Amino acid sequence: MTDERWQRILRVMDEAFADYLTGMATLRERVVMDLGRKLSDSKVLNARRGGQPLPEERPASAARHARRRGSRHRRS
């Protein structure tokens, strides 16, 4: 193949990749906007259940993080 033909192929590939990136960026913006709208519509981020503090306000449970020892069953 000639250099001119290779240059044409590379230009087409570059254009296709640029179109792909533009499409992905547009899709990402749309997904982020839709997710933000759904969260705000459902009030998920602002809802408190029964007066419980939000996760950042509540201390981590020690029981949840403690490792249980000796509870593994050994196979013979």
PDB file of N, CA and C in Angstrom:
ATOM      1  N   MET A   1       0.838  -1.178   0.000  1.00  0.00           N
ATOM      2  CA  MET A   1       0.000   0.000   0.000  1.00  0.00           C
ATOM      3  C   MET A   1       0.884   1.242   0.000  1.00  0.00           C
ATOM      4  N   THR A   2       0.346   2.285  -0.538  1.00  0.00           N
ATOM      5  CA  THR A   2       1.107   3.526  -0.601  1.00  0.00           C
ATOM      6  C   THR A   2       0.960   4.300   0.700  1.00  0.00           C
ATOM      7  N   ASP A   3       1.871   5.229   0.876  1.00  0.00           N
ATOM      8  CA  ASP A   3       1.818   6.069   2.084  1.00  0.00           C
ATOM      9  C   ASP A   3       0.536   6.893   2.125  1.00  0.00           C
ATOM     10  N   GLU A   4       0.084   7.323   0.965  1.00  0.00           N
ATOM     11  CA  GLU A   4      -1.137   8.121   0.895  1.00  0.00           C
ATOM     12  C   GLU A   4      -2.339   7.312   1.387  1.00  0.00           C
ATOM     13  N   ARG A   5      -2.376   6.064   0.992  1.00  0.00           N
ATOM     14  CA  ARG A   5      -3.486   5.192   1.414  1.00  0.00           C
ATOM     15  C   ARG A   5      -3.442   4.952   2.918  1.00  0.00           C
ATOM     16  N   TRP A   6      -2.239   4.720   3.484  1.00  0.00           N
ATOM     17  CA  TRP A   6      -2.101   4.539   4.924  1.00  0.00           C
ATOM     18  C   TRP A   6      -2.542   5.798   5.658  1.00  0.00           C
ATOM     19  N   GLN A   7      -2.172   6.956   5.150  1.00  0.00           N
ATOM     20  CA  GLN A   7      -2.565   8.218   5.777  1.00  0.00           C
ATOM     21  C   GLN A   7      -4.086   8.359   5.796  1.00  0.00           C
ATOM     22  N   ARG A   8      -4.727   7.959   4.709  1.00  0.00           N
ATOM     23  CA  ARG A   8      -6.193   8.019   4.631  1.00  0.00           C
ATOM     24  C   ARG A   8      -6.822   7.083   5.655  1.00  0.00           C
ATOM     25  N   ILE A   9      -6.283   5.877   5.767  1.00  0.00           N
ATOM     26  CA  ILE A   9      -6.798   4.905   6.743  1.00  0.00           C
ATOM     27  C   ILE A   9      -6.642   5.446   8.162  1.00  0.00           C
ATOM     28  N   LEU A  10      -5.494   6.019   8.456  1.00  0.00           N
ATOM     29  CA  LEU A  10      -5.258   6.566   9.797  1.00  0.00           C
ATOM     30  C   LEU A  10      -6.182   7.745  10.087  1.00  0.00           C
ATOM     31  N   ARG A  11      -6.462   8.588   9.086  1.00  0.00           N
ATOM     32  CA  ARG A  11      -7.397   9.703   9.274  1.00  0.00           C
ATOM     33  C   ARG A  11      -8.797   9.184   9.592  1.00  0.00           C
ATOM     34  N   VAL A  12      -9.235   8.168   8.863  1.00  0.00           N
ATOM     35  CA  VAL A  12     -10.557   7.589   9.119  1.00  0.00           C
ATOM     36  C   VAL A  12     -10.618   6.999  10.529  1.00  0.00           C
ATOM     37  N   MET A  13      -9.564   6.314  10.932  1.00  0.00           N
ATOM     38  CA  MET A  13      -9.534   5.735  12.287  1.00  0.00           C
ATOM     39  C   MET A  13      -9.540   6.833  13.347  1.00  0.00           C
ATOM     40  N   ASP A  14      -8.789   7.896  13.132  1.00  0.00           N
ATOM     41  CA  ASP A  14      -8.774   9.009  14.083  1.00  0.00           C
ATOM     42  C   ASP A  14     -10.149   9.657  14.197  1.00  0.00           C
ATOM     43  N   GLU A  15     -10.822   9.850  13.065  1.00  0.00           N
ATOM     44  CA  GLU A  15     -12.162  10.436  13.094  1.00  0.00           C
ATOM     45  C   GLU A  15     -13.146   9.525  13.827  1.00  0.00           C
ATOM     46  N   ALA A  16     -13.054   8.234  13.562  1.00  0.00           N
ATOM     47  CA  ALA A  16     -13.951   7.280  14.230  1.00  0.00           C
ATOM     48  C   ALA A  16     -13.707   7.286  15.734  1.00  0.00           C
ATOM     49  N   PHE A  17     -12.454   7.339  16.154  1.00  0.00           N
ATOM     50  CA  PHE A  17     -12.141   7.343  17.579  1.00  0.00           C
ATOM     51  C   PHE A  17     -12.612   8.645  18.228  1.00  0.00           C
ATOM     52  N   ALA A  18     -12.448   9.770  17.528  1.00  0.00           N
ATOM     53  CA  ALA A  18     -12.926  11.048  18.059  1.00  0.00           C
ATOM     54  C   ALA A  18     -14.443  11.024  18.228  1.00  0.00           C
ATOM     55  N   ASP A  19     -15.152  10.460  17.246  1.00  0.00           N
ATOM     56  CA  ASP A  19     -16.607  10.335  17.355  1.00  0.00           C
ATOM     57  C   ASP A  19     -16.994   9.440  18.526  1.00  0.00           C
ATOM     58  N   TYR A  20     -16.249   8.365  18.720  1.00  0.00           N
ATOM     59  CA  TYR A  20     -16.498   7.448  19.838  1.00  0.00           C
ATOM     60  C   TYR A  20     -16.344   8.190  21.171  1.00  0.00           C
ATOM     61  N   LEU A  21     -15.250   8.951  21.316  1.00  0.00           N
ATOM     62  CA  LEU A  21     -15.014   9.681  22.564  1.00  0.00           C
ATOM     63  C   LEU A  21     -16.106  10.720  22.817  1.00  0.00           C
ATOM     64  N   THR A  22     -16.519  11.410  21.761  1.00  0.00           N
ATOM     65  CA  THR A  22     -17.584  12.400  21.904  1.00  0.00           C
ATOM     66  C   THR A  22     -18.877  11.724  22.350  1.00  0.00           C
ATOM     67  N   GLY A  23     -19.194  10.603  21.745  1.00  0.00           N
ATOM     68  CA  GLY A  23     -20.401   9.869  22.124  1.00  0.00           C
ATOM     69  C   GLY A  23     -20.346   9.371  23.553  1.00  0.00           C
ATOM     70  N   MET A  24     -19.204   8.882  23.980  1.00  0.00           N
ATOM     71  CA  MET A  24     -19.072   8.386  25.356  1.00  0.00           C
ATOM     72  C   MET A  24     -19.197   9.527  26.356  1.00  0.00           C
ATOM     73  N   ALA A  25     -18.606  10.675  26.046  1.00  0.00           N
ATOM     74  CA  ALA A  25     -18.704  11.831  26.940  1.00  0.00           C
ATOM     75  C   ALA A  25     -20.157  12.302  27.044  1.00  0.00           C
ATOM     76  N   THR A  26     -20.854  12.324  25.923  1.00  0.00           N
ATOM     77  CA  THR A  26     -22.258  12.727  25.919  1.00  0.00           C
ATOM     78  C   THR A  26     -23.110  11.751  26.722  1.00  0.00           C
ATOM     79  N   LEU A  27     -22.860  10.465  26.530  1.00  0.00           N
ATOM     80  CA  LEU A  27     -23.593   9.447  27.274  1.00  0.00           C
ATOM     81  C   LEU A  27     -23.334   9.571  28.770  1.00  0.00           C
ATOM     82  N   ARG A  28     -22.089   9.804  29.150  1.00  0.00           N
ATOM     83  CA  ARG A  28     -21.742   9.945  30.571  1.00  0.00           C
ATOM     84  C   ARG A  28     -22.472  11.134  31.181  1.00  0.00           C
ATOM     85  N   GLU A  29     -22.498  12.263  30.478  1.00  0.00           N
ATOM     86  CA  GLU A  29     -23.214  13.443  30.976  1.00  0.00           C
ATOM     87  C   GLU A  29     -24.691  13.121  31.182  1.00  0.00           C
ATOM     88  N   ARG A  30     -25.270  12.417  30.225  1.00  0.00           N
ATOM     89  CA  ARG A  30     -26.688  12.085  30.314  1.00  0.00           C
ATOM     90  C   ARG A  30     -26.972  11.157  31.485  1.00  0.00           C
ATOM     91  N   VAL A  31     -26.109  10.169  31.686  1.00  0.00           N
ATOM     92  CA  VAL A  31     -26.292   9.231  32.798  1.00  0.00           C
ATOM     93  C   VAL A  31     -26.160   9.958  34.131  1.00  0.00           C
ATOM     94  N   VAL A  32     -25.173  10.843  34.255  1.00  0.00           N
ATOM     95  CA  VAL A  32     -24.980  11.579  35.505  1.00  0.00           C
ATOM     96  C   VAL A  32     -26.180  12.483  35.781  1.00  0.00           C
ATOM     97  N   MET A  33     -26.670  13.162  34.741  1.00  0.00           N
ATOM     98  CA  MET A  33     -27.843  14.027  34.925  1.00  0.00           C
ATOM     99  C   MET A  33     -29.072  13.214  35.316  1.00  0.00           C
ATOM    100  N   ASP A  34     -29.292  12.074  34.661  1.00  0.00           N
ATOM    101  CA  ASP A  34     -30.443  11.230  34.989  1.00  0.00           C
ATOM    102  C   ASP A  34     -30.354  10.683  36.409  1.00  0.00           C
ATOM    103  N   LEU A  35     -29.161  10.253  36.793  1.00  0.00           N
ATOM    104  CA  LEU A  35     -28.985   9.727  38.147  1.00  0.00           C
ATOM    105  C   LEU A  35     -29.224  10.818  39.178  1.00  0.00           C
ATOM    106  N   GLY A  36     -28.687  12.001  38.942  1.00  0.00           N
ATOM    107  CA  GLY A  36     -28.915  13.116  39.858  1.00  0.00           C
ATOM    108  C   GLY A  36     -30.385  13.467  39.968  1.00  0.00           C
ATOM    109  N   ARG A  37     -31.093  13.460  38.832  1.00  0.00           N
ATOM    110  CA  ARG A  37     -32.520  13.755  38.839  1.00  0.00           C
ATOM    111  C   ARG A  37     -33.292  12.685  39.607  1.00  0.00           C
ATOM    112  N   LYS A  38     -32.948  11.421  39.382  1.00  0.00           N
ATOM    113  CA  LYS A  38     -33.645  10.341  40.087  1.00  0.00           C
ATOM    114  C   LYS A  38     -33.416  10.411  41.590  1.00  0.00           C
ATOM    115  N   LEU A  39     -32.186  10.714  41.987  1.00  0.00           N
ATOM    116  CA  LEU A  39     -31.907  10.818  43.422  1.00  0.00           C
ATOM    117  C   LEU A  39     -32.646  11.995  44.040  1.00  0.00           C
ATOM    118  N   SER A  40     -32.684  13.115  43.346  1.00  0.00           N
ATOM    119  CA  SER A  40     -33.380  14.274  43.909  1.00  0.00           C
ATOM    120  C   SER A  40     -34.889  14.059  43.909  1.00  0.00           C
ATOM    121  N   ASP A  41     -35.417  13.383  42.878  1.00  0.00           N
ATOM    122  CA  ASP A  41     -36.856  13.101  42.841  1.00  0.00           C
ATOM    123  C   ASP A  41     -37.283  12.142  43.946  1.00  0.00           C
ATOM    124  N   SER A  42     -36.438  11.177  44.246  1.00  0.00           N
ATOM    125  CA  SER A  42     -36.805  10.185  45.254  1.00  0.00           C
ATOM    126  C   SER A  42     -36.428  10.621  46.657  1.00  0.00           C
ATOM    127  N   LYS A  43     -35.723  11.711  46.768  1.00  0.00           N
ATOM    128  CA  LYS A  43     -35.292  12.258  48.062  1.00  0.00           C
ATOM    129  C   LYS A  43     -34.468  11.251  48.857  1.00  0.00           C
ATOM    130  N   VAL A  44     -33.733  10.388  48.168  1.00  0.00           N
ATOM    131  CA  VAL A  44     -32.933   9.359  48.831  1.00  0.00           C
ATOM    132  C   VAL A  44     -31.859   9.989  49.704  1.00  0.00           C
ATOM    133  N   LEU A  45     -31.208  11.012  49.198  1.00  0.00           N
ATOM    134  CA  LEU A  45     -30.099  11.599  49.946  1.00  0.00           C
ATOM    135  C   LEU A  45     -30.568  12.419  51.142  1.00  0.00           C
ATOM    136  N   ASN A  46     -31.802  12.895  51.122  1.00  0.00           N
ATOM    137  CA  ASN A  46     -32.280  13.751  52.195  1.00  0.00           C
ATOM    138  C   ASN A  46     -33.147  13.015  53.209  1.00  0.00           C
ATOM    139  N   ALA A  47     -33.493  11.771  52.934  1.00  0.00           N
ATOM    140  CA  ALA A  47     -34.412  11.042  53.805  1.00  0.00           C
ATOM    141  C   ALA A  47     -33.692  10.513  55.039  1.00  0.00           C
ATOM    142  N   ARG A  48     -34.363  10.639  56.168  1.00  0.00           N
ATOM    143  CA  ARG A  48     -33.863  10.043  57.415  1.00  0.00           C
ATOM    144  C   ARG A  48     -34.917   9.062  57.892  1.00  0.00           C
ATOM    145  N   ARG A  49     -34.486   7.878  58.253  1.00  0.00           N
ATOM    146  CA  ARG A  49     -35.417   6.844  58.701  1.00  0.00           C
ATOM    147  C   ARG A  49     -35.572   6.910  60.205  1.00  0.00           C
ATOM    148  N   GLY A  50     -36.752   7.234  60.646  1.00  0.00           N
ATOM    149  CA  GLY A  50     -37.057   7.209  62.072  1.00  0.00           C
ATOM    150  C   GLY A  50     -36.140   8.070  62.911  1.00  0.00           C
ATOM    151  N   GLY A  51     -35.661   9.168  62.366  1.00  0.00           N
ATOM    152  CA  GLY A  51     -34.804  10.065  63.125  1.00  0.00           C
ATOM    153  C   GLY A  51     -33.376   9.579  63.281  1.00  0.00           C
ATOM    154  N   GLN A  52     -32.992   8.556  62.535  1.00  0.00           N
ATOM    155  CA  GLN A  52     -31.611   8.071  62.625  1.00  0.00           C
ATOM    156  C   GLN A  52     -30.664   9.082  62.001  1.00  0.00           C
ATOM    157  N   PRO A  53     -29.498   9.258  62.591  1.00  0.00           N
ATOM    158  CA  PRO A  53     -28.533  10.187  61.992  1.00  0.00           C
ATOM    159  C   PRO A  53     -28.009   9.645  60.666  1.00  0.00           C
ATOM    160  N   LEU A  54     -27.572  10.543  59.821  1.00  0.00           N
ATOM    161  CA  LEU A  54     -26.980  10.134  58.550  1.00  0.00           C
ATOM    162  C   LEU A  54     -25.686   9.381  58.808  1.00  0.00           C
ATOM    163  N   PRO A  55     -25.227   8.560  57.875  1.00  0.00           N
ATOM    164  CA  PRO A  55     -24.033   7.737  58.102  1.00  0.00           C
ATOM    165  C   PRO A  55     -22.810   8.529  58.545  1.00  0.00           C
ATOM    166  N   GLU A  56     -22.610   9.727  58.026  1.00  0.00           N
ATOM    167  CA  GLU A  56     -21.427  10.480  58.439  1.00  0.00           C
ATOM    168  C   GLU A  56     -21.556  11.045  59.846  1.00  0.00           C
ATOM    169  N   GLU A  57     -22.780  11.095  60.365  1.00  0.00           N
ATOM    170  CA  GLU A  57     -22.996  11.594  61.710  1.00  0.00           C
ATOM    171  C   GLU A  57     -22.938  10.490  62.756  1.00  0.00           C
ATOM    172  N   ARG A  58     -23.063   9.245  62.345  1.00  0.00           N
ATOM    173  CA  ARG A  58     -23.156   8.149  63.289  1.00  0.00           C
ATOM    174  C   ARG A  58     -21.808   7.445  63.391  1.00  0.00           C
ATOM    175  N   PRO A  59     -21.377   7.080  64.601  1.00  0.00           N
ATOM    176  CA  PRO A  59     -20.086   6.390  64.754  1.00  0.00           C
ATOM    177  C   PRO A  59     -20.143   4.965  64.198  1.00  0.00           C
ATOM    178  N   ALA A  60     -19.011   4.483  63.752  1.00  0.00           N
ATOM    179  CA  ALA A  60     -18.939   3.116  63.222  1.00  0.00           C
ATOM    180  C   ALA A  60     -19.172   2.121  64.345  1.00  0.00           C
ATOM    181  N   SER A  61     -19.874   1.078  64.051  1.00  0.00           N
ATOM    182  CA  SER A  61     -20.162   0.054  65.032  1.00  0.00           C
ATOM    183  C   SER A  61     -18.925  -0.811  65.240  1.00  0.00           C
ATOM    184  N   ALA A  62     -18.512  -0.983  66.488  1.00  0.00           N
ATOM    185  CA  ALA A  62     -17.346  -1.815  66.785  1.00  0.00           C
ATOM    186  C   ALA A  62     -17.640  -3.275  66.480  1.00  0.00           C
ATOM    187  N   ALA A  63     -18.870  -3.691  66.710  1.00  0.00           N
ATOM    188  CA  ALA A  63     -19.232  -5.085  66.464  1.00  0.00           C
ATOM    189  C   ALA A  63     -19.169  -5.410  64.970  1.00  0.00           C
ATOM    190  N   ARG A  64     -19.480  -4.449  64.160  1.00  0.00           N
ATOM    191  CA  ARG A  64     -19.480  -4.678  62.725  1.00  0.00           C
ATOM    192  C   ARG A  64     -18.058  -4.881  62.197  1.00  0.00           C
ATOM    193  N   HIS A  65     -17.100  -4.225  62.820  1.00  0.00           N
ATOM    194  CA  HIS A  65     -15.728  -4.279  62.331  1.00  0.00           C
ATOM    195  C   HIS A  65     -14.856  -5.315  63.028  1.00  0.00           C
ATOM    196  N   ALA A  66     -15.340  -5.858  64.140  1.00  0.00           N
ATOM    197  CA  ALA A  66     -14.537  -6.833  64.874  1.00  0.00           C
ATOM    198  C   ALA A  66     -14.494  -8.155  64.110  1.00  0.00           C
ATOM    199  N   ARG A  67     -13.359  -8.799  64.114  1.00  0.00           N
ATOM    200  CA  ARG A  67     -13.221 -10.104  63.456  1.00  0.00           C
ATOM    201  C   ARG A  67     -13.620 -11.194  64.428  1.00  0.00           C
ATOM    202  N   ARG A  68     -14.387 -12.093  63.924  1.00  0.00           N
ATOM    203  CA  ARG A  68     -14.751 -13.242  64.749  1.00  0.00           C
ATOM    204  C   ARG A  68     -13.656 -14.277  64.606  1.00  0.00           C
ATOM    205  N   ARG A  69     -13.203 -14.778  65.725  1.00  0.00           N
ATOM    206  CA  ARG A  69     -12.120 -15.770  65.698  1.00  0.00           C
ATOM    207  C   ARG A  69     -12.649 -17.117  66.176  1.00  0.00           C
ATOM    208  N   GLY A  70     -12.136 -18.168  65.595  1.00  0.00           N
ATOM    209  CA  GLY A  70     -12.491 -19.504  66.023  1.00  0.00           C
ATOM    210  C   GLY A  70     -13.846 -19.990  65.530  1.00  0.00           C
ATOM    211  N   SER A  71     -14.468 -19.248  64.640  1.00  0.00           N
ATOM    212  CA  SER A  71     -15.798 -19.670  64.195  1.00  0.00           C
ATOM    213  C   SER A  71     -15.749 -20.468  62.899  1.00  0.00           C
ATOM    214  N   ARG A  72     -14.559 -20.682  62.373  1.00  0.00           N
ATOM    215  CA  ARG A  72     -14.445 -21.449  61.124  1.00  0.00           C
ATOM    216  C   ARG A  72     -14.581 -22.926  61.408  1.00  0.00           C
ATOM    217  N   HIS A  73     -15.274 -23.585  60.546  1.00  0.00           N
ATOM    218  CA  HIS A  73     -15.422 -25.030  60.671  1.00  0.00           C
ATOM    219  C   HIS A  73     -14.303 -25.675  59.849  1.00  0.00           C
ATOM    220  N   ARG A  74     -13.628 -26.608  60.487  1.00  0.00           N
ATOM    221  CA  ARG A  74     -12.550 -27.314  59.778  1.00  0.00           C
ATOM    222  C   ARG A  74     -13.069 -28.613  59.213  1.00  0.00           C
ATOM    223  N   ARG A  75     -12.708 -28.868  57.994  1.00  0.00           N
ATOM    224  CA  ARG A  75     -13.121 -30.124  57.384  1.00  0.00           C
ATOM    225  C   ARG A  75     -12.060 -31.182  57.631  1.00  0.00           C
ATOM    226  N   SER A  76     -12.532 -32.388  57.901  1.00  0.00           N
ATOM    227  CA  SER A  76     -11.586 -33.475  58.170  1.00  0.00           C
ATOM    228  C   SER A  76     -11.331 -34.294  56.930  1.00  0.00           C
TER     229      SER A  76
END
